[in-house]
Protein backbone atom coordinates (compact mmCIF):
# COMPACT_ATOMS: atom_id res chain seq x y z
CA MET A 1 14.83 88.65 33.55
CA THR A 2 17.85 86.43 33.04
CA SER A 3 17.77 83.51 30.64
CA VAL A 4 19.06 80.10 31.69
CA GLU A 5 21.53 78.63 29.25
CA PRO A 6 20.94 74.97 28.40
CA GLU A 7 23.46 72.57 29.87
CA ARG A 8 26.08 71.49 27.39
CA PRO A 9 26.15 67.74 26.84
CA ARG A 10 29.12 65.97 28.38
CA PRO A 11 31.45 63.95 26.14
CA LEU A 12 31.46 60.18 26.42
CA LEU A 13 33.49 58.82 29.37
CA ALA A 14 33.80 62.37 30.75
CA THR A 15 33.58 61.07 34.33
CA ALA A 16 36.48 58.63 33.97
CA SER A 17 39.27 59.07 36.49
CA HIS A 18 42.11 58.76 33.94
CA ARG A 19 42.69 61.47 31.39
CA TRP A 20 43.57 59.04 28.61
CA VAL A 21 40.20 57.32 29.06
CA ARG A 22 38.40 60.67 28.75
CA LEU A 23 40.31 61.41 25.54
CA LEU A 24 39.74 57.95 24.08
CA PRO A 25 36.33 58.71 22.43
CA TRP A 26 37.74 61.81 20.77
CA GLY A 27 40.76 59.91 19.50
CA LEU A 28 38.70 57.04 18.16
CA ALA A 29 36.23 59.39 16.44
CA PHE A 30 39.07 61.39 14.88
CA VAL A 31 40.83 58.26 13.58
CA LEU A 32 37.60 56.89 12.09
CA CYS A 33 36.74 60.22 10.47
CA VAL A 34 40.22 60.71 8.98
CA ALA A 35 40.44 57.13 7.78
CA LEU A 36 36.90 56.73 6.40
CA LEU A 37 36.48 60.06 4.65
CA PRO A 38 39.07 59.60 1.85
CA THR A 39 38.46 55.85 1.73
CA THR A 40 34.74 56.34 1.17
CA ILE A 41 35.31 58.86 -1.61
CA ARG A 42 37.72 56.57 -3.39
CA VAL A 43 35.62 53.42 -3.03
CA LEU A 44 32.40 55.11 -4.14
CA THR A 45 34.03 56.67 -7.21
CA VAL A 46 36.42 53.92 -8.29
CA ASP A 47 34.70 50.70 -7.21
CA TYR A 48 31.05 51.78 -7.41
CA GLY A 49 31.30 54.27 -10.26
CA LEU A 50 29.54 57.18 -8.56
CA ASN A 51 30.02 60.78 -9.55
CA ALA A 52 32.91 62.37 -7.60
CA GLY A 53 30.73 65.18 -6.27
CA VAL A 54 28.02 62.82 -5.04
CA ALA A 55 30.62 60.49 -3.56
CA SER A 56 32.30 63.36 -1.71
CA LEU A 57 28.98 64.61 -0.33
CA LEU A 58 28.02 61.13 0.87
CA ALA A 59 31.47 60.57 2.38
CA VAL A 60 31.29 63.79 4.41
CA ALA A 61 27.74 63.05 5.63
CA GLN A 62 28.68 59.47 6.60
CA SER A 63 32.04 60.23 8.30
CA ALA A 64 32.17 63.77 9.70
CA PRO A 65 29.27 63.30 12.18
CA LEU A 66 31.37 60.70 13.99
CA LEU A 67 33.07 63.64 15.74
CA LEU A 68 29.63 64.89 16.83
CA ALA A 69 28.86 61.41 18.22
CA VAL A 70 31.29 62.00 21.10
CA THR A 71 28.88 64.52 22.64
CA ARG A 72 25.56 64.00 20.78
CA PRO A 73 25.48 60.41 19.50
CA LEU A 74 21.74 60.37 18.75
CA LEU A 75 21.94 63.53 16.62
CA ALA A 76 24.93 62.06 14.79
CA TRP A 77 22.92 58.88 14.19
CA TYR A 78 20.13 60.83 12.46
CA VAL A 79 22.62 62.32 10.00
CA ILE A 80 24.63 59.16 9.34
CA PHE A 81 21.55 56.92 9.11
CA ALA A 82 19.97 59.20 6.52
CA ALA A 83 23.27 59.44 4.62
CA ASP A 84 23.71 55.65 4.62
CA VAL A 85 20.19 55.07 3.26
CA ALA A 86 20.69 57.80 0.66
CA GLY A 87 24.04 56.26 -0.28
CA ALA A 88 22.46 52.84 -0.71
CA LEU A 89 19.84 54.29 -3.04
CA ALA A 90 22.52 56.20 -4.96
CA LEU A 91 24.51 53.01 -5.47
CA LEU A 92 21.59 51.55 -7.43
CA SER A 93 22.54 53.86 -10.29
CA GLY A 94 26.14 52.72 -10.28
CA ASP A 95 27.62 50.20 -12.71
CA TYR A 96 29.33 47.52 -10.65
CA GLY A 97 29.08 43.79 -10.46
CA GLU A 98 28.20 41.36 -7.69
CA ARG A 99 31.75 41.65 -6.41
CA GLN A 100 30.81 44.79 -4.43
CA GLU A 101 28.74 44.93 -1.26
CA TRP A 102 25.24 46.41 -1.30
CA PRO A 103 23.35 48.14 0.29
CA PHE A 104 26.15 49.17 2.67
CA PRO A 105 29.81 49.08 1.64
CA PRO A 106 32.41 47.96 4.25
CA MET A 107 33.53 51.50 5.19
CA GLN A 108 29.90 52.45 5.99
CA ILE A 109 29.58 49.38 8.20
CA VAL A 110 32.77 50.31 10.09
CA GLY A 111 31.56 53.89 10.64
CA TYR A 112 28.11 52.71 11.71
CA ILE A 113 29.59 50.26 14.24
CA GLY A 114 31.63 53.10 15.73
CA LEU A 115 28.45 55.14 15.96
CA CYS A 116 26.65 52.25 17.69
CA LEU A 117 29.42 52.18 20.30
CA ALA A 118 28.70 55.82 21.13
CA LEU A 119 24.94 55.22 21.20
CA GLY A 120 25.24 52.25 23.55
CA LEU A 121 27.39 54.22 25.99
CA ARG A 122 24.99 57.16 26.18
CA GLU A 123 21.36 56.38 25.25
CA SER A 124 18.64 54.51 27.12
CA ARG A 125 17.55 50.95 26.42
CA ARG A 126 14.37 52.13 24.70
CA THR A 127 16.34 54.40 22.36
CA LEU A 128 18.75 51.59 21.47
CA VAL A 129 15.85 49.28 20.60
CA LEU A 130 14.30 51.95 18.37
CA VAL A 131 17.64 52.55 16.66
CA TRP A 132 18.06 48.87 15.90
CA LEU A 133 14.48 48.57 14.64
CA ALA A 134 15.07 51.53 12.33
CA THR A 135 18.28 49.94 11.09
CA ALA A 136 16.59 46.60 10.50
CA GLY A 137 13.60 48.25 8.82
CA ALA A 138 15.80 50.26 6.48
CA ASN A 139 17.88 47.16 5.65
CA VAL A 140 14.80 45.05 4.86
CA GLY A 141 13.21 47.88 2.88
CA LEU A 142 16.30 48.32 0.72
CA LEU A 143 16.42 44.60 0.04
CA TYR A 144 12.85 44.76 -1.23
CA VAL A 145 13.79 47.68 -3.48
CA ALA A 146 16.52 45.66 -5.19
CA PRO A 147 15.96 41.95 -4.50
CA ASP A 148 18.34 41.00 -7.29
CA ARG A 149 21.27 42.40 -5.30
CA VAL A 150 20.53 40.36 -2.16
CA ASN A 151 23.37 38.13 -0.89
CA ASP A 152 24.49 36.52 2.35
CA ARG A 153 26.18 39.72 3.52
CA SER A 154 23.24 42.05 2.92
CA VAL A 155 22.13 41.93 6.57
CA LEU A 156 25.64 42.36 7.99
CA LEU A 157 24.99 45.93 9.17
CA MET A 158 21.80 44.90 10.96
CA ILE A 159 23.50 42.01 12.78
CA LEU A 160 26.72 43.79 13.75
CA GLY A 161 24.83 46.94 14.76
CA GLY A 162 22.46 44.97 16.97
CA VAL A 163 25.30 43.07 18.68
CA THR A 164 27.23 46.30 19.29
CA LEU A 165 24.21 48.09 20.72
CA LEU A 166 23.44 45.12 22.97
CA ILE A 167 26.97 44.75 24.37
CA THR A 168 27.61 48.45 24.96
CA GLY A 169 24.13 48.96 26.39
CA VAL A 170 24.66 46.13 28.89
CA LEU A 171 28.08 47.50 29.87
CA ARG A 172 26.65 50.99 30.34
CA GLU A 173 23.77 49.78 32.52
CA ARG A 174 26.14 47.63 34.58
CA HIS A 175 28.43 50.60 35.14
CA GLU A 176 25.44 52.76 36.07
CA VAL A 177 24.25 50.20 38.62
CA GLN A 178 27.71 50.00 40.18
CA ARG A 179 27.97 53.78 40.31
CA ARG A 180 24.61 54.13 42.02
CA LEU A 181 25.50 51.35 44.45
CA THR A 182 28.74 53.11 45.34
CA GLU A 183 26.90 56.40 45.84
CA GLN A 184 24.30 54.68 48.01
CA GLU A 185 27.01 53.05 50.13
CA THR A 186 28.69 56.42 50.56
CA ILE A 187 25.39 58.04 51.55
CA SER A 188 24.59 55.17 53.92
CA GLU A 189 27.99 55.47 55.59
CA ALA A 190 27.50 59.21 56.02
CA GLU A 191 24.00 58.63 57.42
CA ARG A 192 25.33 56.04 59.87
CA GLY A 193 27.94 58.50 61.08
CA ARG A 194 25.37 61.27 61.33
CA ARG A 195 22.95 59.01 63.20
CA THR A 196 25.67 57.94 65.61
CA LEU A 197 26.57 61.57 66.20
CA LEU A 198 22.95 62.53 66.86
CA GLU A 199 22.45 59.55 69.19
CA GLU A 200 25.53 60.50 71.18
CA ARG A 201 24.42 64.13 71.36
CA ALA A 202 21.01 63.03 72.58
CA ARG A 203 22.64 60.87 75.21
CA ILE A 204 24.86 63.76 76.29
CA ALA A 205 21.82 66.04 76.41
CA ARG A 206 20.01 63.61 78.70
CA GLU A 207 22.99 63.37 81.01
CA LEU A 208 23.45 67.13 80.93
CA HIS A 209 19.79 67.45 81.87
CA ASP A 210 20.41 65.27 84.93
CA VAL A 211 23.47 67.27 85.99
CA VAL A 212 21.87 70.69 85.52
CA ALA A 213 18.57 69.56 87.03
CA HIS A 214 20.39 68.41 90.16
CA HIS A 215 22.13 71.74 90.65
CA MET A 216 19.02 73.76 89.85
CA SER A 217 17.05 71.71 92.36
CA VAL A 218 19.70 72.38 95.02
CA ILE A 219 19.53 76.11 94.27
CA THR A 220 15.74 76.04 94.55
CA VAL A 221 15.78 74.20 97.88
CA GLN A 222 18.47 76.44 99.36
CA ALA A 223 16.68 79.60 98.28
CA ASP A 224 13.33 78.36 99.61
CA THR A 225 14.72 77.35 103.00
CA ALA A 226 17.03 80.34 103.49
CA GLU A 227 14.54 82.22 105.60
CA TYR A 228 14.22 79.21 107.94
CA ARG A 229 17.93 78.45 108.14
CA LEU A 230 19.18 81.99 108.49
CA ALA A 231 17.77 84.00 111.35
CA GLU A 232 16.70 87.63 111.16
CA LEU A 233 16.88 88.06 107.43
CA PRO A 234 15.93 91.56 106.26
CA PRO A 235 12.72 91.65 104.23
CA GLU A 236 14.55 92.70 101.07
CA VAL A 237 16.97 89.73 101.37
CA ARG A 238 14.08 87.35 102.02
CA GLY A 239 12.39 88.70 98.89
CA GLU A 240 15.63 88.22 96.91
CA PHE A 241 15.81 84.56 97.96
CA THR A 242 12.16 84.10 97.00
CA SER A 243 12.88 85.58 93.58
CA ILE A 244 15.91 83.31 93.14
CA ALA A 245 13.84 80.25 94.01
CA ALA A 246 11.06 81.25 91.60
CA THR A 247 13.55 81.89 88.79
CA ALA A 248 15.29 78.58 89.42
CA ARG A 249 11.98 76.68 89.37
CA GLU A 250 10.96 78.42 86.15
CA SER A 251 14.31 77.66 84.51
CA LEU A 252 14.15 74.05 85.66
CA GLY A 253 10.66 73.64 84.26
CA GLU A 254 11.62 75.21 80.93
CA MET A 255 14.66 72.97 80.63
CA ARG A 256 12.59 69.89 81.37
CA ARG A 257 10.05 70.90 78.73
CA LEU A 258 12.82 71.36 76.15
CA LEU A 259 14.73 68.19 76.93
CA GLY A 260 11.86 66.03 78.16
CA VAL A 261 11.30 64.67 74.67
CA LEU A 262 14.64 62.89 74.99
CA ARG A 263 13.30 60.83 77.88
CA ASN A 264 10.94 58.48 76.08
CA GLU A 265 9.75 55.13 77.24
CA GLU A 266 13.09 53.55 76.36
CA THR A 267 15.01 55.73 78.81
CA HIS A 268 12.76 55.56 81.82
CA GLY A 269 15.18 53.14 83.46
CA GLU A 270 18.02 55.68 83.44
CA VAL A 271 17.39 56.97 86.95
CA ALA A 272 20.66 55.93 88.60
CA PRO A 273 23.26 58.59 89.43
CA GLN A 274 25.55 59.36 86.50
CA PRO A 275 28.99 57.66 86.70
CA ASP A 276 32.21 59.58 87.29
CA LEU A 277 35.90 58.93 87.96
CA ALA A 278 35.14 56.66 90.90
CA GLN A 279 33.37 54.13 88.69
CA ILE A 280 36.16 53.82 86.11
CA GLY A 281 37.79 51.14 88.25
CA GLN A 282 34.71 48.99 87.71
CA LEU A 283 35.15 49.29 83.93
CA VAL A 284 38.77 48.20 84.28
CA ALA A 285 37.79 45.21 86.40
CA ALA A 286 35.13 44.17 83.88
CA THR A 287 37.65 44.36 81.03
CA GLU A 288 40.12 42.21 82.98
CA ARG A 289 37.40 39.61 83.53
CA ALA A 290 36.86 39.58 79.77
CA GLY A 291 40.43 38.29 79.40
CA GLY A 292 42.58 41.36 78.85
CA PRO A 293 45.22 42.57 81.35
CA VAL A 294 44.68 46.23 82.23
CA GLU A 295 47.04 48.50 84.16
CA PHE A 296 45.03 51.25 85.85
CA THR A 297 46.29 54.52 87.31
CA PRO A 298 43.32 56.19 89.07
CA CYS A 299 42.82 59.81 89.98
CA ASP A 300 40.96 60.81 93.13
CA ALA A 301 40.68 64.49 92.28
CA ASP A 302 37.41 66.31 92.70
CA VAL A 303 36.36 67.26 89.16
CA PRO A 304 33.15 68.77 87.76
CA GLU A 305 30.38 66.28 87.05
CA ALA A 306 30.49 66.90 83.28
CA VAL A 307 34.24 66.22 83.22
CA GLY A 308 33.93 63.08 85.34
CA LEU A 309 31.09 61.76 83.20
CA SER A 310 32.97 62.50 79.96
CA ALA A 311 36.09 60.75 81.29
CA TYR A 312 34.02 57.71 82.25
CA ARG A 313 32.34 57.48 78.82
CA ILE A 314 35.66 57.88 76.98
CA VAL A 315 37.29 55.08 78.97
CA GLN A 316 34.17 52.97 78.54
CA GLU A 317 34.18 53.30 74.75
CA ALA A 318 37.96 52.88 74.48
CA LEU A 319 37.94 49.66 76.53
CA ALA A 320 34.97 48.39 74.53
CA ASN A 321 36.98 48.96 71.34
CA VAL A 322 39.89 47.00 72.84
CA VAL A 323 37.59 44.06 73.55
CA ARG A 324 36.09 44.25 70.05
CA HIS A 325 39.21 44.74 67.96
CA ALA A 326 42.17 43.60 70.09
CA PRO A 327 40.92 40.92 72.51
CA GLY A 328 43.51 39.93 75.08
CA ALA A 329 45.80 42.91 74.38
CA ALA A 330 47.64 44.50 77.27
CA THR A 331 45.99 47.84 78.06
CA ARG A 332 46.95 50.83 80.16
CA VAL A 333 44.36 53.28 81.53
CA SER A 334 45.68 56.42 83.15
CA LEU A 335 43.89 59.38 84.77
CA SER A 336 46.03 62.31 85.83
CA LEU A 337 45.85 66.02 86.59
CA SER A 338 48.16 68.54 84.97
CA ASP A 339 50.84 70.22 87.08
CA ALA A 340 48.67 73.33 87.32
CA GLY A 341 45.70 71.23 88.40
CA ASP A 342 43.44 72.72 85.73
CA ARG A 343 43.22 69.81 83.29
CA LEU A 344 42.40 66.10 83.52
CA THR A 345 44.21 63.81 81.08
CA VAL A 346 42.54 60.52 80.14
CA LEU A 347 44.86 58.05 78.43
CA VAL A 348 43.95 54.59 77.15
CA VAL A 349 46.69 52.69 75.31
CA ASN A 350 46.53 49.07 74.17
CA GLY A 351 49.10 46.90 72.49
CA PRO A 352 48.53 44.49 69.63
CA PRO A 353 46.35 41.44 70.32
CA PRO A 354 48.23 38.20 71.20
CA GLU A 355 46.57 36.53 68.22
CA PRO A 356 44.99 38.38 65.30
CA PRO A 357 41.20 37.93 65.65
CA ALA A 358 39.41 36.12 62.85
CA GLY A 359 36.89 38.97 62.80
CA PRO A 360 35.34 41.55 65.10
CA LEU A 361 33.66 40.01 68.12
CA GLU A 362 30.70 42.32 67.70
CA GLN A 363 29.03 42.45 64.31
CA SER A 364 26.29 44.95 65.13
CA GLY A 365 28.44 47.93 66.12
CA THR A 366 28.15 51.17 64.24
CA GLY A 367 31.91 51.60 63.89
CA HIS A 368 31.69 55.25 64.98
CA GLY A 369 32.85 55.08 68.61
CA LEU A 370 35.47 57.77 68.01
CA VAL A 371 32.68 60.14 66.97
CA GLY A 372 31.07 59.80 70.37
CA MET A 373 34.37 60.30 72.18
CA ARG A 374 35.07 63.48 70.25
CA GLU A 375 31.59 64.76 71.12
CA ARG A 376 32.29 64.07 74.80
CA VAL A 377 35.50 66.07 74.66
CA ARG A 378 33.86 68.87 72.67
CA LEU A 379 31.18 69.12 75.38
CA VAL A 380 33.77 70.34 77.91
CA ASP A 381 35.93 72.30 75.38
CA GLY A 382 38.80 69.81 75.57
CA THR A 383 41.13 68.23 73.03
CA PHE A 384 41.11 64.68 71.71
CA GLU A 385 43.67 62.49 69.97
CA ALA A 386 43.29 58.93 68.72
CA GLY A 387 45.25 56.78 66.30
CA PRO A 388 47.16 53.53 65.73
CA LEU A 389 50.63 52.89 67.13
CA PRO A 390 53.62 51.53 65.19
CA ASP A 391 53.53 48.21 67.10
CA GLY A 392 49.92 47.54 66.05
CA GLY A 393 48.26 48.95 69.14
CA PHE A 394 46.00 51.97 69.54
CA ARG A 395 46.13 55.14 71.65
CA VAL A 396 43.29 57.35 72.87
CA ALA A 397 44.10 60.58 74.71
CA ALA A 398 41.69 63.23 75.95
CA HIS A 399 42.54 66.44 77.76
CA LEU A 400 39.56 67.77 79.69
CA PRO A 401 39.84 71.26 81.24
CA LEU A 402 38.35 71.67 84.69
CA ASN A 403 37.52 75.34 84.21
CA GLY A 404 35.55 74.98 80.98
CA LYS A 405 38.39 75.90 78.59
CA ASP A 406 41.47 73.93 77.64
CA PRO A 407 44.54 75.98 78.48
CA GLY A 408 46.66 73.95 76.08
């Protein structure tokens, strides 16, 4: 049985993008520790008259844990808080006048403020409130122990500590809210892209269902009527046609059961024949009516239904993007076969708009039209290219193989 090691606490600002920011807590803690340790020893022995051994012990307990505060600020607070209270009680035995601060000398206040910075950047709001209440309670309790030493600066640690905890706590919570908002926006954008991809795949699946169903139905009809159309068929051939028809019907029924869920009540109206290359001219005419000049080079080649449908959808989405993002731009739509006749090239190129639009004409779009075009091309094992042009226009190019595999 393997034991799970506890996760090591991360230093303060460990997620910062700049290295100097990540090193800043360590640098500040080191400077405070190096500066406060000898200063505390000297002040406690010279100004407050404490024994050198006691002063050294208090100085180490009040300063050294500042290095621990970079990774475990609450644990460091337990040590420093106890050392500060013990130091205040120890100072009661010292022989010094009203010229010195009590219960907390200035170097203890500086160290405690640095500790409060670390606490505010790491701990929860509830913990910060409890820390301040403990600080205030200890301060008030010490004042009751020696009321004759009370002055206007006796509550300085309580006030400065509370302000520091409040400011750093607010900054930490604000940063946390912004971080979560950024993460949520990133997740939402990924979900929108994924949803668009799934919607396009579902649409392709429905159209593929129509194409395959048509061909399977033709196979079924031809196999069923073969014995009536072809005279004097041998019995074994007639049985073969019967088997083909039965298999085709079974396959068609299975496919409809698998893909039938895609035809819900919202898609019952999609009963028209699927568009192909012949209908692309209508898209061009509609775009010209919308105000954009379009140069169209058609192709009258006989292509597979899946290729024709994919070409139509790609041109449809590309022209829609021109209308949305570059209204009035000159556009060129070209359909052509390769020299070998085994690949259809779909090219849609638009120039920059005559006048930069104030904003997109359509505010409800998903912004993932290129995802759908890539899925169309992937359906027929083609290649797809899209990107901006140096003059401010945009180019979409798709190469759709006619034999199911792109030779290029």
